[in-house]
Amino acid sequence: MLSLVGKDQPGLVARVSAALCKAGCNLGDSSMARLGSNFTIMVMVQWNGSLDRLEEIVQPLSRSLDLTPHISKLSG
């Protein structure tokens, strides 16, 4: 599960989705919320690589969008 939190901005979901898809991720269920000027997205990411490699993909993206990422491995 990938969670990203930060200021809402136009094109946020499109940029996150495009970057993950380009890296070979499959996006599953997601939940998004806007609270005031803040935005959060939680998305199930199917990824055949390591969590470390996924973090390497997410870190530059989250920095460029000024988002705080959190990645958790879920079983089941």
PDB file of N, CA and C in Angstrom:
ATOM      1  N   MET A   1       0.849  -1.164   0.000  1.00  0.00           N
ATOM      2  CA  MET A   1       0.000   0.000   0.000  1.00  0.00           C
ATOM      3  C   MET A   1       0.896   1.228   0.000  1.00  0.00           C
ATOM      4  N   LEU A   2       0.557   2.151  -0.869  1.00  0.00           N
ATOM      5  CA  LEU A   2       1.272   3.423  -0.950  1.00  0.00           C
ATOM      6  C   LEU A   2       0.336   4.524  -0.493  1.00  0.00           C
ATOM      7  N   SER A   3       0.794   5.331   0.434  1.00  0.00           N
ATOM      8  CA  SER A   3       0.056   6.510   0.880  1.00  0.00           C
ATOM      9  C   SER A   3       0.909   7.733   0.597  1.00  0.00           C
ATOM     10  N   LEU A   4       0.269   8.773   0.088  1.00  0.00           N
ATOM     11  CA  LEU A   4       0.931  10.052  -0.159  1.00  0.00           C
ATOM     12  C   LEU A   4       0.063  11.150   0.421  1.00  0.00           C
ATOM     13  N   VAL A   5       0.675  12.079   1.147  1.00  0.00           N
ATOM     14  CA  VAL A   5      -0.056  13.166   1.789  1.00  0.00           C
ATOM     15  C   VAL A   5       0.662  14.480   1.504  1.00  0.00           C
ATOM     16  N   GLY A   6      -0.117  15.511   1.189  1.00  0.00           N
ATOM     17  CA  GLY A   6       0.473  16.828   0.972  1.00  0.00           C
ATOM     18  C   GLY A   6      -0.566  17.823   0.504  1.00  0.00           C
ATOM     19  N   LYS A   7      -0.089  18.963   0.020  1.00  0.00           N
ATOM     20  CA  LYS A   7      -0.982  20.006  -0.492  1.00  0.00           C
ATOM     21  C   LYS A   7      -1.652  19.528  -1.766  1.00  0.00           C
ATOM     22  N   ASP A   8      -2.938  19.810  -1.906  1.00  0.00           N
ATOM     23  CA  ASP A   8      -3.660  19.479  -3.128  1.00  0.00           C
ATOM     24  C   ASP A   8      -3.151  20.371  -4.255  1.00  0.00           C
ATOM     25  N   GLN A   9      -3.067  19.803  -5.443  1.00  0.00           N
ATOM     26  CA  GLN A   9      -2.633  20.557  -6.616  1.00  0.00           C
ATOM     27  C   GLN A   9      -3.156  19.882  -7.873  1.00  0.00           C
ATOM     28  N   PRO A  10      -3.385  20.643  -8.925  1.00  0.00           N
ATOM     29  CA  PRO A  10      -3.902  20.068 -10.162  1.00  0.00           C
ATOM     30  C   PRO A  10      -2.934  19.030 -10.739  1.00  0.00           C
ATOM     31  N   GLY A  11      -3.487  17.937 -11.228  1.00  0.00           N
ATOM     32  CA  GLY A  11      -2.695  16.914 -11.898  1.00  0.00           C
ATOM     33  C   GLY A  11      -1.980  15.940 -10.992  1.00  0.00           C
ATOM     34  N   LEU A  12      -2.227  16.016  -9.712  1.00  0.00           N
ATOM     35  CA  LEU A  12      -1.529  15.181  -8.740  1.00  0.00           C
ATOM     36  C   LEU A  12      -1.759  13.689  -8.996  1.00  0.00           C
ATOM     37  N   VAL A  13      -2.999  13.284  -9.101  1.00  0.00           N
ATOM     38  CA  VAL A  13      -3.327  11.870  -9.306  1.00  0.00           C
ATOM     39  C   VAL A  13      -2.779  11.387 -10.646  1.00  0.00           C
ATOM     40  N   ALA A  14      -2.888  12.206 -11.668  1.00  0.00           N
ATOM     41  CA  ALA A  14      -2.389  11.826 -12.997  1.00  0.00           C
ATOM     42  C   ALA A  14      -0.880  11.597 -12.971  1.00  0.00           C
ATOM     43  N   ARG A  15      -0.149  12.469 -12.320  1.00  0.00           N
ATOM     44  CA  ARG A  15       1.315  12.333 -12.280  1.00  0.00           C
ATOM     45  C   ARG A  15       1.748  11.120 -11.463  1.00  0.00           C
ATOM     46  N   VAL A  16       1.093  10.893 -10.336  1.00  0.00           N
ATOM     47  CA  VAL A  16       1.423   9.731  -9.509  1.00  0.00           C
ATOM     48  C   VAL A  16       1.104   8.449 -10.271  1.00  0.00           C
ATOM     49  N   SER A  17      -0.079   8.370 -10.847  1.00  0.00           N
ATOM     50  CA  SER A  17      -0.491   7.176 -11.593  1.00  0.00           C
ATOM     51  C   SER A  17       0.439   6.908 -12.766  1.00  0.00           C
ATOM     52  N   ALA A  18       0.763   7.937 -13.524  1.00  0.00           N
ATOM     53  CA  ALA A  18       1.631   7.774 -14.696  1.00  0.00           C
ATOM     54  C   ALA A  18       3.015   7.271 -14.295  1.00  0.00           C
ATOM     55  N   ALA A  19       3.576   7.830 -13.235  1.00  0.00           N
ATOM     56  CA  ALA A  19       4.914   7.419 -12.799  1.00  0.00           C
ATOM     57  C   ALA A  19       4.926   5.964 -12.339  1.00  0.00           C
ATOM     58  N   LEU A  20       3.910   5.565 -11.598  1.00  0.00           N
ATOM     59  CA  LEU A  20       3.851   4.186 -11.117  1.00  0.00           C
ATOM     60  C   LEU A  20       3.628   3.208 -12.267  1.00  0.00           C
ATOM     61  N   CYS A  21       2.746   3.549 -13.175  1.00  0.00           N
ATOM     62  CA  CYS A  21       2.488   2.679 -14.336  1.00  0.00           C
ATOM     63  C   CYS A  21       3.731   2.566 -15.213  1.00  0.00           C
ATOM     64  N   LYS A  22       4.420   3.665 -15.428  1.00  0.00           N
ATOM     65  CA  LYS A  22       5.644   3.659 -16.237  1.00  0.00           C
ATOM     66  C   LYS A  22       6.702   2.744 -15.621  1.00  0.00           C
ATOM     67  N   ALA A  23       6.712   2.657 -14.297  1.00  0.00           N
ATOM     68  CA  ALA A  23       7.675   1.810 -13.592  1.00  0.00           C
ATOM     69  C   ALA A  23       7.260   0.342 -13.581  1.00  0.00           C
ATOM     70  N   GLY A  24       6.080   0.034 -14.119  1.00  0.00           N
ATOM     71  CA  GLY A  24       5.631  -1.351 -14.180  1.00  0.00           C
ATOM     72  C   GLY A  24       4.717  -1.773 -13.053  1.00  0.00           C
ATOM     73  N   CYS A  25       4.219  -0.825 -12.297  1.00  0.00           N
ATOM     74  CA  CYS A  25       3.295  -1.134 -11.201  1.00  0.00           C
ATOM     75  C   CYS A  25       1.879  -1.304 -11.736  1.00  0.00           C
ATOM     76  N   ASN A  26       1.126  -2.159 -11.082  1.00  0.00           N
ATOM     77  CA  ASN A  26      -0.291  -2.300 -11.360  1.00  0.00           C
ATOM     78  C   ASN A  26      -1.032  -1.663 -10.188  1.00  0.00           C
ATOM     79  N   LEU A  27      -1.911  -0.720 -10.487  1.00  0.00           N
ATOM     80  CA  LEU A  27      -2.634  -0.011  -9.433  1.00  0.00           C
ATOM     81  C   LEU A  27      -3.968  -0.685  -9.167  1.00  0.00           C
ATOM     82  N   GLY A  28      -4.247  -0.942  -7.899  1.00  0.00           N
ATOM     83  CA  GLY A  28      -5.493  -1.581  -7.503  1.00  0.00           C
ATOM     84  C   GLY A  28      -6.425  -0.588  -6.842  1.00  0.00           C
ATOM     85  N   ASP A  29      -7.120  -1.051  -5.819  1.00  0.00           N
ATOM     86  CA  ASP A  29      -8.064  -0.196  -5.103  1.00  0.00           C
ATOM     87  C   ASP A  29      -7.357   1.042  -4.567  1.00  0.00           C
ATOM     88  N   SER A  30      -8.103   2.136  -4.549  1.00  0.00           N
ATOM     89  CA  SER A  30      -7.529   3.376  -4.027  1.00  0.00           C
ATOM     90  C   SER A  30      -8.592   4.173  -3.287  1.00  0.00           C
ATOM     91  N   SER A  31      -8.114   5.065  -2.454  1.00  0.00           N
ATOM     92  CA  SER A  31      -8.979   5.981  -1.734  1.00  0.00           C
ATOM     93  C   SER A  31      -8.286   7.332  -1.714  1.00  0.00           C
ATOM     94  N   MET A  32      -9.048   8.370  -1.995  1.00  0.00           N
ATOM     95  CA  MET A  32      -8.496   9.721  -2.008  1.00  0.00           C
ATOM     96  C   MET A  32      -9.398  10.633  -1.193  1.00  0.00           C
ATOM     97  N   ALA A  33      -8.788  11.616  -0.561  1.00  0.00           N
ATOM     98  CA  ALA A  33      -9.571  12.577   0.210  1.00  0.00           C
ATOM     99  C   ALA A  33      -8.900  13.937   0.154  1.00  0.00           C
ATOM    100  N   ARG A  34      -9.723  14.946   0.115  1.00  0.00           N
ATOM    101  CA  ARG A  34      -9.246  16.325   0.193  1.00  0.00           C
ATOM    102  C   ARG A  34      -9.776  16.903   1.500  1.00  0.00           C
ATOM    103  N   LEU A  35      -8.866  17.397   2.322  1.00  0.00           N
ATOM    104  CA  LEU A  35      -9.225  17.994   3.605  1.00  0.00           C
ATOM    105  C   LEU A  35      -8.667  19.403   3.622  1.00  0.00           C
ATOM    106  N   GLY A  36      -9.532  20.374   3.395  1.00  0.00           N
ATOM    107  CA  GLY A  36      -9.064  21.753   3.263  1.00  0.00           C
ATOM    108  C   GLY A  36      -8.186  21.854   2.035  1.00  0.00           C
ATOM    109  N   SER A  37      -6.968  22.334   2.206  1.00  0.00           N
ATOM    110  CA  SER A  37      -6.042  22.439   1.074  1.00  0.00           C
ATOM    111  C   SER A  37      -5.109  21.230   0.989  1.00  0.00           C
ATOM    112  N   ASN A  38      -5.357  20.226   1.820  1.00  0.00           N
ATOM    113  CA  ASN A  38      -4.520  19.029   1.833  1.00  0.00           C
ATOM    114  C   ASN A  38      -5.185  17.888   1.082  1.00  0.00           C
ATOM    115  N   PHE A  39      -4.344  16.953   0.624  1.00  0.00           N
ATOM    116  CA  PHE A  39      -4.818  15.831  -0.165  1.00  0.00           C
ATOM    117  C   PHE A  39      -4.093  14.576   0.293  1.00  0.00           C
ATOM    118  N   THR A  40      -4.804  13.461   0.294  1.00  0.00           N
ATOM    119  CA  THR A  40      -4.175  12.174   0.574  1.00  0.00           C
ATOM    120  C   THR A  40      -4.694  11.137  -0.405  1.00  0.00           C
ATOM    121  N   ILE A  41      -3.809  10.257  -0.801  1.00  0.00           N
ATOM    122  CA  ILE A  41      -4.186   9.129  -1.637  1.00  0.00           C
ATOM    123  C   ILE A  41      -3.581   7.878  -1.024  1.00  0.00           C
ATOM    124  N   MET A  42      -4.380   6.835  -0.962  1.00  0.00           N
ATOM    125  CA  MET A  42      -3.914   5.511  -0.571  1.00  0.00           C
ATOM    126  C   MET A  42      -4.239   4.600  -1.740  1.00  0.00           C
ATOM    127  N   VAL A  43      -3.248   3.866  -2.210  1.00  0.00           N
ATOM    128  CA  VAL A  43      -3.464   3.005  -3.370  1.00  0.00           C
ATOM    129  C   VAL A  43      -2.735   1.676  -3.164  1.00  0.00           C
ATOM    130  N   MET A  44      -3.426   0.601  -3.514  1.00  0.00           N
ATOM    131  CA  MET A  44      -2.817  -0.723  -3.495  1.00  0.00           C
ATOM    132  C   MET A  44      -1.958  -0.836  -4.747  1.00  0.00           C
ATOM    133  N   VAL A  45      -0.691  -1.138  -4.576  1.00  0.00           N
ATOM    134  CA  VAL A  45       0.250  -1.235  -5.688  1.00  0.00           C
ATOM    135  C   VAL A  45       0.748  -2.674  -5.780  1.00  0.00           C
ATOM    136  N   GLN A  46       0.501  -3.297  -6.935  1.00  0.00           N
ATOM    137  CA  GLN A  46       1.069  -4.620  -7.191  1.00  0.00           C
ATOM    138  C   GLN A  46       2.393  -4.400  -7.904  1.00  0.00           C
ATOM    139  N   TRP A  47       3.444  -4.975  -7.339  1.00  0.00           N
ATOM    140  CA  TRP A  47       4.795  -4.694  -7.809  1.00  0.00           C
ATOM    141  C   TRP A  47       5.622  -5.953  -7.635  1.00  0.00           C
ATOM    142  N   ASN A  48       6.288  -6.391  -8.684  1.00  0.00           N
ATOM    143  CA  ASN A  48       7.106  -7.603  -8.612  1.00  0.00           C
ATOM    144  C   ASN A  48       8.504  -7.346  -8.074  1.00  0.00           C
ATOM    145  N   GLY A  49       8.896  -6.093  -7.969  1.00  0.00           N
ATOM    146  CA  GLY A  49      10.226  -5.752  -7.473  1.00  0.00           C
ATOM    147  C   GLY A  49      10.253  -5.661  -5.953  1.00  0.00           C
ATOM    148  N   SER A  50      11.380  -5.223  -5.452  1.00  0.00           N
ATOM    149  CA  SER A  50      11.561  -5.094  -4.004  1.00  0.00           C
ATOM    150  C   SER A  50      10.937  -3.793  -3.495  1.00  0.00           C
ATOM    151  N   LEU A  51      10.685  -3.759  -2.195  1.00  0.00           N
ATOM    152  CA  LEU A  51      10.184  -2.527  -1.582  1.00  0.00           C
ATOM    153  C   LEU A  51      11.220  -1.410  -1.693  1.00  0.00           C
ATOM    154  N   ASP A  52      12.491  -1.770  -1.589  1.00  0.00           N
ATOM    155  CA  ASP A  52      13.548  -0.756  -1.724  1.00  0.00           C
ATOM    156  C   ASP A  52      13.497  -0.100  -3.099  1.00  0.00           C
ATOM    157  N   ARG A  53      13.301  -0.900  -4.143  1.00  0.00           N
ATOM    158  CA  ARG A  53      13.233  -0.344  -5.502  1.00  0.00           C
ATOM    159  C   ARG A  53      11.989   0.518  -5.663  1.00  0.00           C
ATOM    160  N   LEU A  54      10.870   0.098  -5.086  1.00  0.00           N
ATOM    161  CA  LEU A  54       9.653   0.903  -5.160  1.00  0.00           C
ATOM    162  C   LEU A  54       9.873   2.245  -4.462  1.00  0.00           C
ATOM    163  N   GLU A  55      10.558   2.233  -3.336  1.00  0.00           N
ATOM    164  CA  GLU A  55      10.876   3.485  -2.640  1.00  0.00           C
ATOM    165  C   GLU A  55      11.758   4.386  -3.499  1.00  0.00           C
ATOM    166  N   GLU A  56      12.686   3.789  -4.255  1.00  0.00           N
ATOM    167  CA  GLU A  56      13.541   4.574  -5.155  1.00  0.00           C
ATOM    168  C   GLU A  56      12.724   5.254  -6.250  1.00  0.00           C
ATOM    169  N   ILE A  57      11.627   4.643  -6.643  1.00  0.00           N
ATOM    170  CA  ILE A  57      10.742   5.226  -7.658  1.00  0.00           C
ATOM    171  C   ILE A  57       9.880   6.321  -7.038  1.00  0.00           C
ATOM    172  N   VAL A  58       9.359   6.056  -5.850  1.00  0.00           N
ATOM    173  CA  VAL A  58       8.413   6.967  -5.202  1.00  0.00           C
ATOM    174  C   VAL A  58       9.100   8.214  -4.635  1.00  0.00           C
ATOM    175  N   GLN A  59      10.305   8.090  -4.102  1.00  0.00           N
ATOM    176  CA  GLN A  59      10.958   9.227  -3.435  1.00  0.00           C
ATOM    177  C   GLN A  59      11.114  10.459  -4.327  1.00  0.00           C
ATOM    178  N   PRO A  60      11.691  10.345  -5.540  1.00  0.00           N
ATOM    179  CA  PRO A  60      11.829  11.555  -6.364  1.00  0.00           C
ATOM    180  C   PRO A  60      10.480  12.137  -6.777  1.00  0.00           C
ATOM    181  N   LEU A  61       9.524  11.258  -7.026  1.00  0.00           N
ATOM    182  CA  LEU A  61       8.180  11.709  -7.384  1.00  0.00           C
ATOM    183  C   LEU A  61       7.566  12.493  -6.233  1.00  0.00           C
ATOM    184  N   SER A  62       7.629  11.935  -5.028  1.00  0.00           N
ATOM    185  CA  SER A  62       7.022  12.608  -3.874  1.00  0.00           C
ATOM    186  C   SER A  62       7.735  13.927  -3.567  1.00  0.00           C
ATOM    187  N   ARG A  63       9.053  13.956  -3.733  1.00  0.00           N
ATOM    188  CA  ARG A  63       9.785  15.218  -3.522  1.00  0.00           C
ATOM    189  C   ARG A  63       9.350  16.276  -4.528  1.00  0.00           C
ATOM    190  N   SER A  64       9.211  15.878  -5.793  1.00  0.00           N
ATOM    191  CA  SER A  64       8.851  16.855  -6.831  1.00  0.00           C
ATOM    192  C   SER A  64       7.443  17.409  -6.632  1.00  0.00           C
ATOM    193  N   LEU A  65       6.582  16.627  -5.978  1.00  0.00           N
ATOM    194  CA  LEU A  65       5.202  17.059  -5.734  1.00  0.00           C
ATOM    195  C   LEU A  65       4.997  17.558  -4.306  1.00  0.00           C
ATOM    196  N   ASP A  66       6.060  17.580  -3.509  1.00  0.00           N
ATOM    197  CA  ASP A  66       6.007  18.000  -2.109  1.00  0.00           C
ATOM    198  C   ASP A  66       5.001  17.166  -1.315  1.00  0.00           C
ATOM    199  N   LEU A  67       5.109  15.839  -1.477  1.00  0.00           N
ATOM    200  CA  LEU A  67       4.246  14.894  -0.780  1.00  0.00           C
ATOM    201  C   LEU A  67       5.071  14.055   0.184  1.00  0.00           C
ATOM    202  N   THR A  68       4.437  13.606   1.247  1.00  0.00           N
ATOM    203  CA  THR A  68       5.075  12.696   2.188  1.00  0.00           C
ATOM    204  C   THR A  68       4.597  11.278   1.879  1.00  0.00           C
ATOM    205  N   PRO A  69       5.527  10.374   1.518  1.00  0.00           N
ATOM    206  CA  PRO A  69       5.124   9.011   1.172  1.00  0.00           C
ATOM    207  C   PRO A  69       5.235   8.053   2.354  1.00  0.00           C
ATOM    208  N   HIS A  70       4.451   6.992   2.286  1.00  0.00           N
ATOM    209  CA  HIS A  70       4.566   5.881   3.222  1.00  0.00           C
ATOM    210  C   HIS A  70       4.229   4.618   2.445  1.00  0.00           C
ATOM    211  N   ILE A  71       5.124   3.637   2.486  1.00  0.00           N
ATOM    212  CA  ILE A  71       4.912   2.378   1.781  1.00  0.00           C
ATOM    213  C   ILE A  71       4.852   1.264   2.806  1.00  0.00           C
ATOM    214  N   SER A  72       3.814   0.438   2.715  1.00  0.00           N
ATOM    215  CA  SER A  72       3.649  -0.706   3.608  1.00  0.00           C
ATOM    216  C   SER A  72       3.419  -1.955   2.779  1.00  0.00           C
ATOM    217  N   LYS A  73       4.055  -3.049   3.181  1.00  0.00           N
ATOM    218  CA  LYS A  73       3.793  -4.328   2.532  1.00  0.00           C
ATOM    219  C   LYS A  73       2.619  -4.976   3.254  1.00  0.00           C
ATOM    220  N   LEU A  74       1.593  -5.309   2.488  1.00  0.00           N
ATOM    221  CA  LEU A  74       0.415  -5.948   3.056  1.00  0.00           C
ATOM    222  C   LEU A  74       0.355  -7.388   2.593  1.00  0.00           C
ATOM    223  N   SER A  75      -0.057  -8.266   3.456  1.00  0.00           N
ATOM    224  CA  SER A  75      -0.198  -9.667   3.060  1.00  0.00           C
ATOM    225  C   SER A  75      -1.650  -9.948   2.720  1.00  0.00           C
ATOM    226  N   GLY A  76      -1.833 -10.988   1.938  1.00  0.00           N
ATOM    227  CA  GLY A  76      -3.198 -11.391   1.607  1.00  0.00           C
ATOM    228  C   GLY A  76      -3.501 -11.058   0.244  1.00  0.00           C
TER     229      GLY A  76
END
